[in-house]
N, C-alpha and C. Protein backbone atom coordinates (compact mmCIF):
# COMPACT_ATOMS: atom_id res chain seq x y z
N MET A 1 0.91 -1.15 -0.17
CA MET A 1 -0.12 -0.11 0.27
C MET A 1 1.01 1.23 0.22
N LYS A 2 0.45 2.11 -0.64
CA LYS A 2 1.04 3.46 -0.72
C LYS A 2 0.13 4.78 -0.31
N ILE A 3 1.08 5.13 0.57
CA ILE A 3 0.31 6.29 1.34
C ILE A 3 0.68 7.34 0.86
N ASN A 4 0.01 8.88 0.46
CA ASN A 4 0.75 10.28 0.50
C ASN A 4 0.12 10.60 1.51
N LEU A 5 1.50 11.26 2.21
CA LEU A 5 0.92 12.27 3.25
C LEU A 5 1.00 13.78 2.56
N LEU A 6 0.12 14.73 2.52
CA LEU A 6 -0.01 15.61 1.65
C LEU A 6 0.32 16.65 2.94
N TYR A 7 0.84 17.60 2.67
CA TYR A 7 1.42 18.87 3.78
C TYR A 7 1.78 20.18 2.79
N PHE A 8 1.76 21.18 3.93
CA PHE A 8 2.59 22.52 2.93
C PHE A 8 3.82 22.63 4.66
N ASP A 9 4.52 23.22 4.39
CA ASP A 9 5.60 24.12 5.28
C ASP A 9 5.06 24.67 6.71
N GLY A 10 4.15 25.33 6.10
CA GLY A 10 3.20 26.80 7.42
C GLY A 10 2.30 25.86 8.60
N CYS A 11 2.24 24.46 8.39
CA CYS A 11 1.21 23.59 8.97
C CYS A 11 2.42 22.94 10.20
N PRO A 12 2.02 22.90 11.27
CA PRO A 12 3.53 22.67 12.09
C PRO A 12 2.60 21.30 12.69
N SER A 13 1.66 20.81 12.58
CA SER A 13 0.88 19.72 12.90
C SER A 13 1.49 18.51 11.66
N TRP A 14 1.75 18.29 10.59
CA TRP A 14 2.16 17.19 9.92
C TRP A 14 3.15 16.43 10.24
N GLN A 15 4.40 16.83 11.01
CA GLN A 15 5.32 15.93 11.72
C GLN A 15 4.65 15.16 12.46
N GLN A 16 3.60 15.54 13.51
CA GLN A 16 3.27 14.64 14.47
C GLN A 16 2.24 13.58 13.64
N ALA A 17 1.50 13.86 12.42
CA ALA A 17 0.51 13.29 11.70
C ALA A 17 1.78 12.20 11.31
N LEU A 18 2.68 12.48 10.71
CA LEU A 18 3.45 11.36 10.31
C LEU A 18 4.11 10.60 11.13
N THR A 19 4.57 10.98 12.34
CA THR A 19 4.86 10.22 13.30
C THR A 19 3.85 9.18 13.49
N ASN A 20 2.79 9.66 13.56
CA ASN A 20 1.14 8.95 14.31
C ASN A 20 1.14 7.80 13.28
N LEU A 21 1.40 8.42 11.88
CA LEU A 21 1.20 7.43 10.59
C LEU A 21 1.98 5.94 10.89
N ARG A 22 3.32 6.65 10.89
CA ARG A 22 4.50 5.44 11.11
C ARG A 22 3.77 4.47 12.04
N THR A 23 3.56 5.30 12.92
CA THR A 23 3.26 4.04 14.10
C THR A 23 2.28 3.20 13.78
N ALA A 24 1.25 3.93 13.47
CA ALA A 24 -0.07 3.06 12.85
C ALA A 24 0.50 1.99 11.92
N ILE A 25 1.00 2.24 11.00
CA ILE A 25 1.77 1.21 9.93
C ILE A 25 2.07 -0.02 10.88
N THR A 26 3.31 0.15 11.73
CA THR A 26 4.09 -0.36 12.40
C THR A 26 3.11 -1.19 13.39
N GLU A 27 1.96 -0.68 14.06
CA GLU A 27 1.27 -1.58 14.74
C GLU A 27 0.44 -2.12 14.09
N GLU A 28 -0.14 -2.03 12.72
CA GLU A 28 -1.04 -2.98 12.21
C GLU A 28 0.05 -3.90 11.26
N LYS A 29 1.49 -3.93 11.14
CA LYS A 29 1.97 -4.95 10.38
C LYS A 29 1.83 -4.90 9.08
N LEU A 30 1.73 -3.29 8.52
CA LEU A 30 1.47 -3.45 7.02
C LEU A 30 2.79 -3.53 6.17
N ASP A 31 2.57 -3.42 4.83
CA ASP A 31 3.53 -3.33 4.21
C ASP A 31 3.18 -2.14 3.70
N ALA A 32 3.82 -1.23 3.82
CA ALA A 32 3.03 0.07 3.61
C ALA A 32 4.23 1.15 3.50
N SER A 33 4.25 2.11 2.51
CA SER A 33 4.98 2.81 2.32
C SER A 33 4.66 4.34 2.40
N VAL A 34 5.12 5.59 2.88
CA VAL A 34 4.24 7.08 2.81
C VAL A 34 5.60 7.51 1.82
N GLN A 35 4.53 8.53 1.14
CA GLN A 35 5.26 9.17 0.53
C GLN A 35 4.58 10.71 0.96
N LEU A 36 5.77 11.77 0.76
CA LEU A 36 5.67 12.96 1.74
C LEU A 36 5.38 13.64 0.29
N ILE A 37 4.41 14.48 0.54
CA ILE A 37 4.07 15.40 -1.41
C ILE A 37 4.08 16.98 -0.81
N LYS A 38 4.69 17.50 -0.71
CA LYS A 38 4.57 18.86 0.00
C LYS A 38 3.81 20.06 -1.25
N VAL A 39 2.46 20.33 -0.46
CA VAL A 39 1.85 21.43 -1.69
C VAL A 39 2.59 22.67 -1.22
N THR A 40 2.85 23.18 -2.55
CA THR A 40 3.14 24.81 -2.09
C THR A 40 2.69 25.97 -2.75
N THR A 41 1.41 25.53 -3.61
CA THR A 41 1.14 26.72 -4.38
C THR A 41 -0.54 26.38 -4.39
N ASP A 42 -1.15 27.38 -4.57
CA ASP A 42 -2.70 27.13 -4.43
C ASP A 42 -3.24 26.19 -5.31
N GLN A 43 -2.47 26.35 -6.65
CA GLN A 43 -2.88 25.87 -7.62
C GLN A 43 -2.74 24.02 -7.82
N GLU A 44 -1.45 23.85 -6.51
CA GLU A 44 -1.10 22.32 -6.53
C GLU A 44 -2.37 21.85 -5.88
N ALA A 45 -2.72 22.96 -4.25
CA ALA A 45 -3.93 22.60 -3.55
C ALA A 45 -5.27 22.02 -4.73
N VAL A 46 -5.23 22.71 -5.59
CA VAL A 46 -6.96 22.62 -6.17
C VAL A 46 -6.36 21.19 -6.85
N ASP A 47 -5.19 21.03 -7.51
CA ASP A 47 -5.02 19.62 -8.68
C ASP A 47 -4.60 18.58 -7.59
N GLN A 48 -4.04 18.59 -6.22
CA GLN A 48 -4.17 16.84 -5.18
C GLN A 48 -5.61 17.19 -4.57
N ARG A 49 -6.27 18.44 -4.88
CA ARG A 49 -7.53 17.93 -3.84
C ARG A 49 -7.62 18.13 -2.50
N PHE A 50 -6.66 19.17 -2.20
CA PHE A 50 -5.90 18.91 -0.65
C PHE A 50 -7.07 19.68 -0.20
N LEU A 51 -7.52 18.88 1.14
CA LEU A 51 -8.46 19.21 2.20
C LEU A 51 -7.49 20.26 3.33
N GLY A 52 -6.04 20.41 3.21
CA GLY A 52 -5.75 21.15 4.11
C GLY A 52 -4.83 19.60 4.68
N SER A 53 -4.00 20.45 5.51
CA SER A 53 -2.39 20.06 6.07
C SER A 53 -2.87 19.55 7.47
N PRO A 54 -2.27 18.52 7.80
CA PRO A 54 -2.25 16.80 7.03
C PRO A 54 -3.17 16.50 6.25
N SER A 55 -3.07 15.97 5.33
CA SER A 55 -3.99 15.14 4.39
C SER A 55 -3.55 13.73 4.38
N PHE A 56 -4.08 12.82 4.45
CA PHE A 56 -3.82 11.45 3.96
C PHE A 56 -4.50 10.81 2.55
N GLN A 57 -3.94 9.94 1.73
CA GLN A 57 -4.63 10.05 0.39
C GLN A 57 -3.91 8.23 0.27
N VAL A 58 -4.82 7.33 -0.17
CA VAL A 58 -4.32 6.42 -0.97
C VAL A 58 -5.27 6.32 -2.38
N ASP A 59 -4.22 6.19 -3.48
CA ASP A 59 -4.92 6.03 -4.78
C ASP A 59 -5.83 7.35 -5.02
N GLY A 60 -5.09 8.61 -4.52
CA GLY A 60 -5.90 9.83 -4.75
C GLY A 60 -7.47 9.99 -3.96
N VAL A 61 -7.61 8.91 -3.37
CA VAL A 61 -8.82 9.48 -2.04
C VAL A 61 -8.23 9.37 -0.56
N ASP A 62 -9.18 10.71 -0.37
CA ASP A 62 -8.64 11.10 0.85
C ASP A 62 -9.09 10.04 2.46
N PHE A 63 -8.31 9.74 3.35
CA PHE A 63 -8.91 9.06 4.59
C PHE A 63 -10.26 9.35 4.95
N TRP A 64 -10.29 10.85 5.04
CA TRP A 64 -11.59 11.15 5.90
C TRP A 64 -12.14 12.23 4.61
N PRO A 65 -12.58 11.51 3.65
CA PRO A 65 -13.07 12.67 2.58
C PRO A 65 -14.16 13.34 2.81
N ALA A 66 -14.45 14.71 2.27
CA ALA A 66 -15.16 15.92 2.61
C ALA A 66 -15.40 16.61 1.25
N HIS A 67 -16.88 16.90 1.62
CA HIS A 67 -17.23 17.55 -0.05
C HIS A 67 -16.51 19.07 -0.22
N GLN A 68 -15.66 19.44 -0.98
CA GLN A 68 -15.20 21.03 -0.70
C GLN A 68 -15.29 21.29 -2.37
N ASP A 69 -15.55 22.79 -2.52
CA ASP A 69 -15.65 23.35 -3.41
C ASP A 69 -14.18 23.68 -4.11
N ARG A 70 -13.54 24.31 -2.85
CA ARG A 70 -12.35 25.05 -3.03
C ARG A 70 -11.28 24.19 -2.23
N PHE A 71 -10.38 24.46 -2.84
CA PHE A 71 -8.73 23.91 -1.84
C PHE A 71 -7.97 24.83 -2.02
N SER A 72 -7.25 24.84 -0.93
CA SER A 72 -6.19 25.90 -1.03
C SER A 72 -5.25 25.17 0.38
N MET A 73 -4.25 26.40 0.82
CA MET A 73 -3.21 25.89 1.58
C MET A 73 -3.69 26.36 2.83
N SER A 74 -3.93 25.58 3.72
CA SER A 74 -4.79 25.46 4.99
C SER A 74 -4.47 24.56 5.58
N CYS A 75 -4.22 24.72 7.33
CA CYS A 75 -4.71 23.89 8.19
C CYS A 75 -5.34 23.16 8.50
N ARG A 76 -5.48 21.88 8.91
CA ARG A 76 -6.68 20.89 8.61
C ARG A 76 -7.02 20.66 10.43
N VAL A 77 -7.69 20.23 10.84
CA VAL A 77 -8.31 19.57 12.02
C VAL A 77 -8.99 18.70 12.06
N TYR A 78 -8.93 17.61 12.94
CA TYR A 78 -9.14 16.21 13.08
C TYR A 78 -10.35 16.03 14.55
N SER A 79 -11.42 15.35 14.38
CA SER A 79 -12.18 15.64 15.69
C SER A 79 -11.66 14.16 16.21
N THR A 80 -10.87 14.09 17.51
CA THR A 80 -10.69 12.99 18.15
C THR A 80 -11.38 12.88 19.38
N SER A 81 -10.89 11.43 19.49
CA SER A 81 -11.90 11.71 21.50
C SER A 81 -11.30 12.48 22.52
N THR A 82 -10.60 12.98 22.28
CA THR A 82 -9.82 14.16 22.97
C THR A 82 -9.82 15.46 22.43
N GLY A 83 -10.80 15.75 21.64
CA GLY A 83 -11.31 17.05 21.06
C GLY A 83 -10.50 17.27 19.64
N LEU A 84 -10.75 18.57 19.12
CA LEU A 84 -9.99 18.91 17.72
C LEU A 84 -8.45 19.31 18.22
N LYS A 85 -7.86 17.98 16.85
CA LYS A 85 -6.70 17.88 17.14
C LYS A 85 -5.76 18.54 15.41
N GLY A 86 -4.61 18.82 15.48
CA GLY A 86 -4.44 18.95 14.08
C GLY A 86 -3.74 17.84 13.29
N TRP A 87 -3.94 16.73 13.99
CA TRP A 87 -3.83 15.18 13.48
C TRP A 87 -4.48 14.41 13.98
N PRO A 88 -4.37 13.22 12.77
CA PRO A 88 -5.63 11.84 13.47
C PRO A 88 -4.51 11.36 14.70
N THR A 89 -5.54 10.62 15.85
CA THR A 89 -4.79 9.99 16.54
C THR A 89 -4.42 8.46 16.00
N ILE A 90 -3.08 8.04 16.42
CA ILE A 90 -3.04 6.60 16.03
C ILE A 90 -3.83 5.48 16.07
N GLU A 91 -4.53 5.48 16.70
CA GLU A 91 -6.51 4.64 16.46
C GLU A 91 -7.06 5.11 15.52
N MET A 92 -7.16 6.10 15.38
CA MET A 92 -7.90 6.84 14.07
C MET A 92 -7.17 6.09 12.87
N LEU A 93 -5.94 6.39 12.91
CA LEU A 93 -5.37 5.86 11.41
C LEU A 93 -5.40 4.39 11.28
N ARG A 94 -4.89 3.30 12.36
CA ARG A 94 -5.27 2.31 12.66
C ARG A 94 -6.20 1.80 12.17
N ASP A 95 -7.51 2.33 12.57
CA ASP A 95 -9.08 1.85 12.21
C ASP A 95 -8.61 1.92 10.48
N LYS A 96 -8.61 3.20 9.96
CA LYS A 96 -8.37 3.40 7.80
C LYS A 96 -7.49 2.68 7.90
N LEU A 97 -6.48 2.26 8.33
CA LEU A 97 -5.46 1.41 7.62
C LEU A 97 -6.14 -0.18 7.24
N ARG A 98 -6.89 -0.40 8.84
CA ARG A 98 -7.68 -1.92 8.44
C ARG A 98 -8.46 -2.00 7.44
N ASP A 99 -9.71 -0.86 7.35
CA ASP A 99 -10.26 -0.85 6.38
C ASP A 99 -9.95 -0.96 5.17
N LEU A 100 -8.77 -0.37 4.96
CA LEU A 100 -7.76 0.05 3.44
C LEU A 100 -7.81 -1.19 3.45
N SER A 101 -7.06 -2.56 4.23
CA SER A 101 -5.86 -3.32 3.71
C SER A 101 -6.85 -4.42 3.82
N ARG A 102 -8.14 -4.71 4.02
CA ARG A 102 -9.57 -5.65 4.41
C ARG A 102 -9.69 -5.81 2.69
N PRO A 103 -9.47 -7.28 1.99
CA PRO A 103 -9.44 -7.65 0.71
C PRO A 103 -11.52 -7.34 0.50
N PRO A 104 -11.94 -6.98 -0.69
CA PRO A 104 -13.40 -6.65 -0.97
C PRO A 104 -13.70 -7.65 -0.94
N LEU A 105 -15.10 -7.10 -0.64
CA LEU A 105 -16.34 -8.71 -0.75
C LEU A 105 -16.44 -9.08 -1.94
N THR A 106 -16.44 -10.21 -1.98
CA THR A 106 -17.01 -10.89 -3.14
C THR A 106 -18.42 -11.08 -3.19
N THR A 107 -19.07 -10.84 -4.55
CA THR A 107 -20.07 -11.89 -4.68
C THR A 107 -20.42 -12.97 -5.49
N SER A 108 -21.37 -13.83 -5.45
CA SER A 108 -21.41 -15.02 -6.38
C SER A 108 -22.48 -14.34 -7.15
N THR A 109 -22.25 -14.88 -8.28
CA THR A 109 -23.47 -14.43 -9.56
C THR A 109 -24.28 -16.21 -9.88
């Protein structure tokens, strides 16, 4: 699995988000790589469908998608069990990683 972590330098939260993501990957024993994608312009934010820093994507799909018409260089907040934070908790990331690593359900015809 290849996970993109999108961020911009003005956001102080992306480094803790990266630490939490790496911990979650290790705890889930996943074969996953993390690619850091630095968003540097508003146009790149639009092109990447950037929901704010930090954002996590697999195959261009955000871990926590939100309907948004505008994309810009902004910080993102996450609703955690201890309130709003600038990064998701390790457990939140583990839950998403488990969902992503499950094989798709097949139906017989």
